[in-house]
Amino acid sequence: MSANTKLPTQHDLDTISLQLGRPARDVVEIGARCVCGAPLVATTAPRLSNGIPFPTTFYLTHPVLTQAVSRLEAGGLMAHMNERLSEDTELAEQYAAAHENYLSERERIRELSGVGEVPEIEGISAGGMPSRVKCLHVLAGHTLATGPGINPLGDETIAGIAQWWTPEKCWCDGAWDPAAEVPTKDLSRHVKRLERQAQQQDAGKQE
């Protein structure tokens, strides 16, 4: 994907907001696109504009893709992957290298976004890397954004969802309502936590 196709347009951001059901947050690039051009992966700054550190650089946004990966998680694939990581030295080494690639990509995005250092997540990638598997969505996003051959378990995740989603076909029809009003209020748990903290601070000042 060229730099021009990675640059998010307002239409891309609106689409991501509709896909997620909340406003798109600090999207620096479109990490991967459907064959029709719709976003699949939002490449996100490592610190959000509200100040929260955000380790998940490559965030899956497409509902069909996200649901497909959730099916693999529900089927127990992560436990099997963790067993293999403890037994297969070559796989463990490849996965550790994927962790380093993730950190390198995050640093690239940090510099591109213009945010300062994010010491809270320094050396920490996402998804359980470098030694565990805790989130297949992270691994799938990594593979889609960087291409095959970087994250072996991300590659396996994409291969494992082929019965529900494949990159060669458009799965967008009916996945979200493109005519709906674009969400403007962020109801994510992170924002709710910040709102609670602000309310507690205000209450403390009034006492």
C-alpha atoms as a PDB file:
ATOM      1  CA  MET A   1       0.000   0.000   0.000  1.00  0.00           C
ATOM      2  CA  SER A   2       1.434   3.379  -1.010  1.00  0.00           C
ATOM      3  CA  ALA A   3       1.791   6.322   1.344  1.00  0.00           C
ATOM      4  CA  ASN A   4      -1.057   8.101  -0.453  1.00  0.00           C
ATOM      5  CA  THR A   5      -3.482   5.228   0.100  1.00  0.00           C
ATOM      6  CA  LYS A   6      -2.457   5.000   3.752  1.00  0.00           C
ATOM      7  CA  LEU A   7      -3.275   8.642   4.460  1.00  0.00           C
ATOM      8  CA  PRO A   8      -6.757   8.706   6.034  1.00  0.00           C
ATOM      9  CA  THR A   9      -9.372  10.885   4.386  1.00  0.00           C
ATOM     10  CA  GLN A  10     -12.381  12.297   6.186  1.00  0.00           C
ATOM     11  CA  HIS A  11     -14.460   9.622   4.469  1.00  0.00           C
ATOM     12  CA  ASP A  12     -12.134   6.976   5.903  1.00  0.00           C
ATOM     13  CA  LEU A  13     -12.510   8.426   9.406  1.00  0.00           C
ATOM     14  CA  ASP A  14     -16.288   8.591   9.060  1.00  0.00           C
ATOM     15  CA  THR A  15     -16.334   4.987   7.848  1.00  0.00           C
ATOM     16  CA  ILE A  16     -14.218   3.835  10.792  1.00  0.00           C
ATOM     17  CA  SER A  17     -16.554   5.662  13.170  1.00  0.00           C
ATOM     18  CA  LEU A  18     -19.531   3.853  11.634  1.00  0.00           C
ATOM     19  CA  GLN A  19     -17.703   0.515  11.724  1.00  0.00           C
ATOM     20  CA  LEU A  20     -16.838   0.902  15.412  1.00  0.00           C
ATOM     21  CA  GLY A  21     -19.948   2.737  16.555  1.00  0.00           C
ATOM     22  CA  ARG A  22     -17.836   5.498  18.106  1.00  0.00           C
ATOM     23  CA  PRO A  23     -15.677   8.341  16.812  1.00  0.00           C
ATOM     24  CA  ALA A  24     -12.398   7.340  15.184  1.00  0.00           C
ATOM     25  CA  ARG A  25      -9.528   8.230  17.516  1.00  0.00           C
ATOM     26  CA  ASP A  26      -6.117   9.539  16.480  1.00  0.00           C
ATOM     27  CA  VAL A  27      -5.876   7.531  13.258  1.00  0.00           C
ATOM     28  CA  VAL A  28      -2.523   8.223  11.612  1.00  0.00           C
ATOM     29  CA  GLU A  29      -2.747   5.776   8.722  1.00  0.00           C
ATOM     30  CA  ILE A  30      -5.102   3.235   7.210  1.00  0.00           C
ATOM     31  CA  GLY A  31      -3.056   0.126   7.862  1.00  0.00           C
ATOM     32  CA  ALA A  32      -5.020  -2.077   5.480  1.00  0.00           C
ATOM     33  CA  ARG A  33      -7.983  -1.671   3.165  1.00  0.00           C
ATOM     34  CA  CYS A  34     -10.678  -3.892   1.727  1.00  0.00           C
ATOM     35  CA  VAL A  35     -10.446  -4.525  -2.003  1.00  0.00           C
ATOM     36  CA  CYS A  36     -13.191  -1.886  -2.316  1.00  0.00           C
ATOM     37  CA  GLY A  37     -11.058   0.653  -0.441  1.00  0.00           C
ATOM     38  CA  ALA A  38     -12.865   0.667   2.898  1.00  0.00           C
ATOM     39  CA  PRO A  39     -10.672   0.583   6.016  1.00  0.00           C
ATOM     40  CA  LEU A  40      -9.820  -2.748   7.611  1.00  0.00           C
ATOM     41  CA  VAL A  41      -7.159  -1.554  10.059  1.00  0.00           C
ATOM     42  CA  ALA A  42      -6.749   1.820  11.732  1.00  0.00           C
ATOM     43  CA  THR A  43      -3.120   2.594  12.511  1.00  0.00           C
ATOM     44  CA  THR A  44      -3.345   4.620  15.696  1.00  0.00           C
ATOM     45  CA  ALA A  45      -1.008   6.991  17.526  1.00  0.00           C
ATOM     46  CA  PRO A  46       0.581   5.479  20.657  1.00  0.00           C
ATOM     47  CA  ARG A  47      -0.878   8.268  22.793  1.00  0.00           C
ATOM     48  CA  LEU A  48      -4.440   9.377  22.205  1.00  0.00           C
ATOM     49  CA  SER A  49      -5.353  13.052  22.183  1.00  0.00           C
ATOM     50  CA  ASN A  50      -7.025  12.589  25.579  1.00  0.00           C
ATOM     51  CA  GLY A  51      -3.657  11.556  27.020  1.00  0.00           C
ATOM     52  CA  ILE A  52      -4.240   7.806  27.274  1.00  0.00           C
ATOM     53  CA  PRO A  53      -1.329   5.563  26.143  1.00  0.00           C
ATOM     54  CA  PHE A  54      -2.556   3.299  23.345  1.00  0.00           C
ATOM     55  CA  PRO A  55      -0.381   0.237  22.685  1.00  0.00           C
ATOM     56  CA  THR A  56      -2.564  -1.285  19.946  1.00  0.00           C
ATOM     57  CA  THR A  57      -0.997   0.365  16.921  1.00  0.00           C
ATOM     58  CA  PHE A  58      -2.916  -1.730  14.369  1.00  0.00           C
ATOM     59  CA  TYR A  59      -6.588  -1.799  15.331  1.00  0.00           C
ATOM     60  CA  LEU A  60      -9.126  -3.923  13.449  1.00  0.00           C
ATOM     61  CA  THR A  61     -12.178  -1.887  12.465  1.00  0.00           C
ATOM     62  CA  HIS A  62     -14.130  -3.935   9.929  1.00  0.00           C
ATOM     63  CA  PRO A  63     -17.052  -5.676  11.695  1.00  0.00           C
ATOM     64  CA  VAL A  64     -16.978  -8.873   9.615  1.00  0.00           C
ATOM     65  CA  LEU A  65     -13.239  -9.243  10.063  1.00  0.00           C
ATOM     66  CA  THR A  66     -13.414  -8.503  13.785  1.00  0.00           C
ATOM     67  CA  GLN A  67     -16.217 -11.010  14.337  1.00  0.00           C
ATOM     68  CA  ALA A  68     -14.368 -13.678  12.378  1.00  0.00           C
ATOM     69  CA  VAL A  69     -11.286 -13.314  14.576  1.00  0.00           C
ATOM     70  CA  SER A  70     -13.493 -13.406  17.676  1.00  0.00           C
ATOM     71  CA  ARG A  71     -14.782 -16.792  16.535  1.00  0.00           C
ATOM     72  CA  LEU A  72     -11.232 -18.156  16.500  1.00  0.00           C
ATOM     73  CA  GLU A  73     -10.619 -16.793  19.990  1.00  0.00           C
ATOM     74  CA  ALA A  74     -13.830 -18.371  21.248  1.00  0.00           C
ATOM     75  CA  GLY A  75     -12.727 -21.667  19.731  1.00  0.00           C
ATOM     76  CA  GLY A  76      -9.643 -21.816  21.950  1.00  0.00           C
ATOM     77  CA  LEU A  77      -6.978 -21.163  19.337  1.00  0.00           C
ATOM     78  CA  MET A  78      -4.960 -18.886  21.629  1.00  0.00           C
ATOM     79  CA  ALA A  79      -4.384 -21.684  24.138  1.00  0.00           C
ATOM     80  CA  HIS A  80      -3.111 -23.939  21.352  1.00  0.00           C
ATOM     81  CA  MET A  81      -0.806 -21.197  20.086  1.00  0.00           C
ATOM     82  CA  ASN A  82       0.608 -20.662  23.557  1.00  0.00           C
ATOM     83  CA  GLU A  83       1.346 -24.379  23.859  1.00  0.00           C
ATOM     84  CA  ARG A  84       3.219 -24.297  20.560  1.00  0.00           C
ATOM     85  CA  LEU A  85       5.202 -21.213  21.595  1.00  0.00           C
ATOM     86  CA  SER A  86       6.430 -23.089  24.661  1.00  0.00           C
ATOM     87  CA  GLU A  87       7.489 -26.096  22.583  1.00  0.00           C
ATOM     88  CA  ASP A  88       8.616 -24.734  19.194  1.00  0.00           C
ATOM     89  CA  THR A  89      11.824 -22.737  19.484  1.00  0.00           C
ATOM     90  CA  GLU A  90      11.773 -21.551  15.889  1.00  0.00           C
ATOM     91  CA  LEU A  91       8.195 -20.288  16.210  1.00  0.00           C
ATOM     92  CA  ALA A  92       9.060 -18.546  19.470  1.00  0.00           C
ATOM     93  CA  GLU A  93      11.989 -16.785  17.795  1.00  0.00           C
ATOM     94  CA  GLN A  94       9.834 -15.651  14.874  1.00  0.00           C
ATOM     95  CA  TYR A  95       7.194 -14.378  17.281  1.00  0.00           C
ATOM     96  CA  ALA A  96       9.816 -12.471  19.282  1.00  0.00           C
ATOM     97  CA  ALA A  97      10.986 -10.873  16.032  1.00  0.00           C
ATOM     98  CA  ALA A  98       7.384  -9.883  15.319  1.00  0.00           C
ATOM     99  CA  HIS A  99       7.341  -8.134  18.684  1.00  0.00           C
ATOM    100  CA  GLU A 100      10.392  -6.093  17.683  1.00  0.00           C
ATOM    101  CA  ASN A 101       8.772  -5.229  14.362  1.00  0.00           C
ATOM    102  CA  TYR A 102       5.652  -4.057  16.176  1.00  0.00           C
ATOM    103  CA  LEU A 103       7.721  -1.765  18.398  1.00  0.00           C
ATOM    104  CA  SER A 104       9.553  -0.415  15.367  1.00  0.00           C
ATOM    105  CA  GLU A 105       6.293   0.278  13.557  1.00  0.00           C
ATOM    106  CA  ARG A 106       4.849   1.989  16.620  1.00  0.00           C
ATOM    107  CA  GLU A 107       7.896   4.245  16.818  1.00  0.00           C
ATOM    108  CA  ARG A 108       7.467   5.109  13.149  1.00  0.00           C
ATOM    109  CA  ILE A 109       3.844   6.026  13.768  1.00  0.00           C
ATOM    110  CA  ARG A 110       4.755   7.976  16.897  1.00  0.00           C
ATOM    111  CA  GLU A 111       7.183  10.116  14.922  1.00  0.00           C
ATOM    112  CA  LEU A 112       4.715  10.507  12.071  1.00  0.00           C
ATOM    113  CA  SER A 113       1.941  11.587  14.447  1.00  0.00           C
ATOM    114  CA  GLY A 114       4.159  14.084  16.238  1.00  0.00           C
ATOM    115  CA  VAL A 115       3.357  12.867  19.747  1.00  0.00           C
ATOM    116  CA  GLY A 116       6.105  12.791  22.340  1.00  0.00           C
ATOM    117  CA  GLU A 117       7.630   9.789  24.043  1.00  0.00           C
ATOM    118  CA  VAL A 118       5.204   7.310  25.633  1.00  0.00           C
ATOM    119  CA  PRO A 119       7.212   5.769  28.494  1.00  0.00           C
ATOM    120  CA  GLU A 120       4.167   3.963  29.885  1.00  0.00           C
ATOM    121  CA  ILE A 121       4.300   1.420  27.044  1.00  0.00           C
ATOM    122  CA  GLU A 122       8.007   1.477  26.229  1.00  0.00           C
ATOM    123  CA  GLY A 123       9.164  -2.012  25.258  1.00  0.00           C
ATOM    124  CA  ILE A 124       5.585  -3.310  25.417  1.00  0.00           C
ATOM    125  CA  SER A 125       4.003  -4.252  22.116  1.00  0.00           C
ATOM    126  CA  ALA A 126       0.502  -5.754  22.153  1.00  0.00           C
ATOM    127  CA  GLY A 127      -1.449  -8.977  21.964  1.00  0.00           C
ATOM    128  CA  GLY A 128       0.809 -10.793  24.432  1.00  0.00           C
ATOM    129  CA  MET A 129       3.990 -10.534  22.367  1.00  0.00           C
ATOM    130  CA  PRO A 130       6.811 -11.495  22.618  1.00  0.00           C
ATOM    131  CA  SER A 131       6.092 -14.697  24.512  1.00  0.00           C
ATOM    132  CA  ARG A 132       2.314 -15.112  24.852  1.00  0.00           C
ATOM    133  CA  VAL A 133      -0.844 -14.816  22.762  1.00  0.00           C
ATOM    134  CA  LYS A 134      -3.540 -12.757  24.454  1.00  0.00           C
ATOM    135  CA  CYS A 135      -5.422 -11.168  21.543  1.00  0.00           C
ATOM    136  CA  LEU A 136      -5.748 -12.538  18.024  1.00  0.00           C
ATOM    137  CA  HIS A 137      -7.210  -9.242  16.816  1.00  0.00           C
ATOM    138  CA  VAL A 138      -3.852  -7.576  17.479  1.00  0.00           C
ATOM    139  CA  LEU A 139      -1.963 -10.275  15.597  1.00  0.00           C
ATOM    140  CA  ALA A 140      -4.361 -10.161  12.644  1.00  0.00           C
ATOM    141  CA  GLY A 141      -4.080  -6.385  12.482  1.00  0.00           C
ATOM    142  CA  HIS A 142      -0.295  -6.642  12.506  1.00  0.00           C
ATOM    143  CA  THR A 143      -0.264  -9.110   9.612  1.00  0.00           C
ATOM    144  CA  LEU A 144      -2.736  -7.097   7.531  1.00  0.00           C
ATOM    145  CA  ALA A 145      -0.809  -3.867   8.051  1.00  0.00           C
ATOM    146  CA  THR A 146       2.725  -5.178   7.517  1.00  0.00           C
ATOM    147  CA  GLY A 147       2.056  -8.090   5.170  1.00  0.00           C
ATOM    148  CA  PRO A 148       2.642 -11.835   5.563  1.00  0.00           C
ATOM    149  CA  GLY A 149       5.910 -13.230   6.836  1.00  0.00           C
ATOM    150  CA  ILE A 150       6.323 -10.786   9.742  1.00  0.00           C
ATOM    151  CA  ASN A 151       4.043 -12.217  12.412  1.00  0.00           C
ATOM    152  CA  PRO A 152       3.663 -15.991  12.045  1.00  0.00           C
ATOM    153  CA  LEU A 153       0.686 -16.250  14.369  1.00  0.00           C
ATOM    154  CA  GLY A 154      -0.963 -13.272  12.729  1.00  0.00           C
ATOM    155  CA  ASP A 155      -0.527 -15.073   9.404  1.00  0.00           C
ATOM    156  CA  GLU A 156      -2.155 -18.168  10.918  1.00  0.00           C
ATOM    157  CA  THR A 157      -5.030 -16.089  12.252  1.00  0.00           C
ATOM    158  CA  ILE A 158      -5.796 -14.652   8.818  1.00  0.00           C
ATOM    159  CA  ALA A 159      -5.599 -18.131   7.288  1.00  0.00           C
ATOM    160  CA  GLY A 160      -7.853 -19.477  10.045  1.00  0.00           C
ATOM    161  CA  ILE A 161     -10.742 -17.113   9.314  1.00  0.00           C
ATOM    162  CA  ALA A 162     -10.915 -17.895   5.595  1.00  0.00           C
ATOM    163  CA  GLN A 163     -14.392 -19.416   5.896  1.00  0.00           C
ATOM    164  CA  TRP A 164     -15.755 -16.093   7.248  1.00  0.00           C
ATOM    165  CA  TRP A 165     -13.466 -13.438   5.726  1.00  0.00           C
ATOM    166  CA  THR A 166     -10.756 -13.302   3.077  1.00  0.00           C
ATOM    167  CA  PRO A 167      -8.728 -10.335   1.799  1.00  0.00           C
ATOM    168  CA  GLU A 168      -9.532 -11.103  -1.848  1.00  0.00           C
ATOM    169  CA  LYS A 169     -13.266 -10.405  -1.468  1.00  0.00           C
ATOM    170  CA  CYS A 170     -15.298  -7.383  -0.348  1.00  0.00           C
ATOM    171  CA  TRP A 171     -17.326  -8.162   2.769  1.00  0.00           C
ATOM    172  CA  CYS A 172     -18.619  -4.629   3.363  1.00  0.00           C
ATOM    173  CA  ASP A 173     -22.201  -4.921   2.119  1.00  0.00           C
ATOM    174  CA  GLY A 174     -24.446  -4.858   5.191  1.00  0.00           C
ATOM    175  CA  ALA A 175     -21.527  -4.782   7.640  1.00  0.00           C
ATOM    176  CA  TRP A 176     -22.436  -1.222   8.678  1.00  0.00           C
ATOM    177  CA  ASP A 177     -24.867   1.445   7.515  1.00  0.00           C
ATOM    178  CA  PRO A 178     -22.991   3.971   5.351  1.00  0.00           C
ATOM    179  CA  ALA A 179     -26.047   6.261   5.414  1.00  0.00           C
ATOM    180  CA  ALA A 180     -26.226   6.384   9.211  1.00  0.00           C
ATOM    181  CA  GLU A 181     -25.280   9.431  11.233  1.00  0.00           C
ATOM    182  CA  VAL A 182     -21.576   9.368  12.063  1.00  0.00           C
ATOM    183  CA  PRO A 183     -21.079   8.867  15.828  1.00  0.00           C
ATOM    184  CA  THR A 184     -19.746  11.926  17.654  1.00  0.00           C
ATOM    185  CA  LYS A 185     -19.801  10.782  21.290  1.00  0.00           C
ATOM    186  CA  ASP A 186     -17.102   8.418  22.486  1.00  0.00           C
ATOM    187  CA  LEU A 187     -18.574   5.879  24.894  1.00  0.00           C
ATOM    188  CA  SER A 188     -15.459   3.702  25.189  1.00  0.00           C
ATOM    189  CA  ARG A 189     -14.389   2.453  28.602  1.00  0.00           C
ATOM    190  CA  HIS A 190     -11.267   4.611  28.470  1.00  0.00           C
ATOM    191  CA  VAL A 191     -13.262   7.797  28.029  1.00  0.00           C
ATOM    192  CA  LYS A 192     -15.741   6.757  30.700  1.00  0.00           C
ATOM    193  CA  ARG A 193     -12.836   6.190  33.098  1.00  0.00           C
ATOM    194  CA  LEU A 194     -11.480   9.664  32.390  1.00  0.00           C
ATOM    195  CA  GLU A 195     -14.930  11.155  32.941  1.00  0.00           C
ATOM    196  CA  ARG A 196     -15.243   9.357  36.295  1.00  0.00           C
ATOM    197  CA  GLN A 197     -11.817  10.610  37.346  1.00  0.00           C
ATOM    198  CA  ALA A 198     -12.779  14.165  36.415  1.00  0.00           C
ATOM    199  CA  GLN A 199     -16.020  13.875  38.374  1.00  0.00           C
ATOM    200  CA  GLN A 200     -14.152  12.540  41.409  1.00  0.00           C
ATOM    201  CA  GLN A 201     -11.658  15.389  41.209  1.00  0.00           C
ATOM    202  CA  ASP A 202     -14.459  17.943  40.952  1.00  0.00           C
ATOM    203  CA  ALA A 203     -16.214  16.365  43.932  1.00  0.00           C
ATOM    204  CA  GLY A 204     -12.979  16.537  45.916  1.00  0.00           C
ATOM    205  CA  LYS A 205     -12.571  20.228  45.169  1.00  0.00           C
ATOM    206  CA  GLN A 206     -16.097  20.940  46.377  1.00  0.00           C
ATOM    207  CA  GLU A 207     -15.588  19.218  49.741  1.00  0.00           C
END
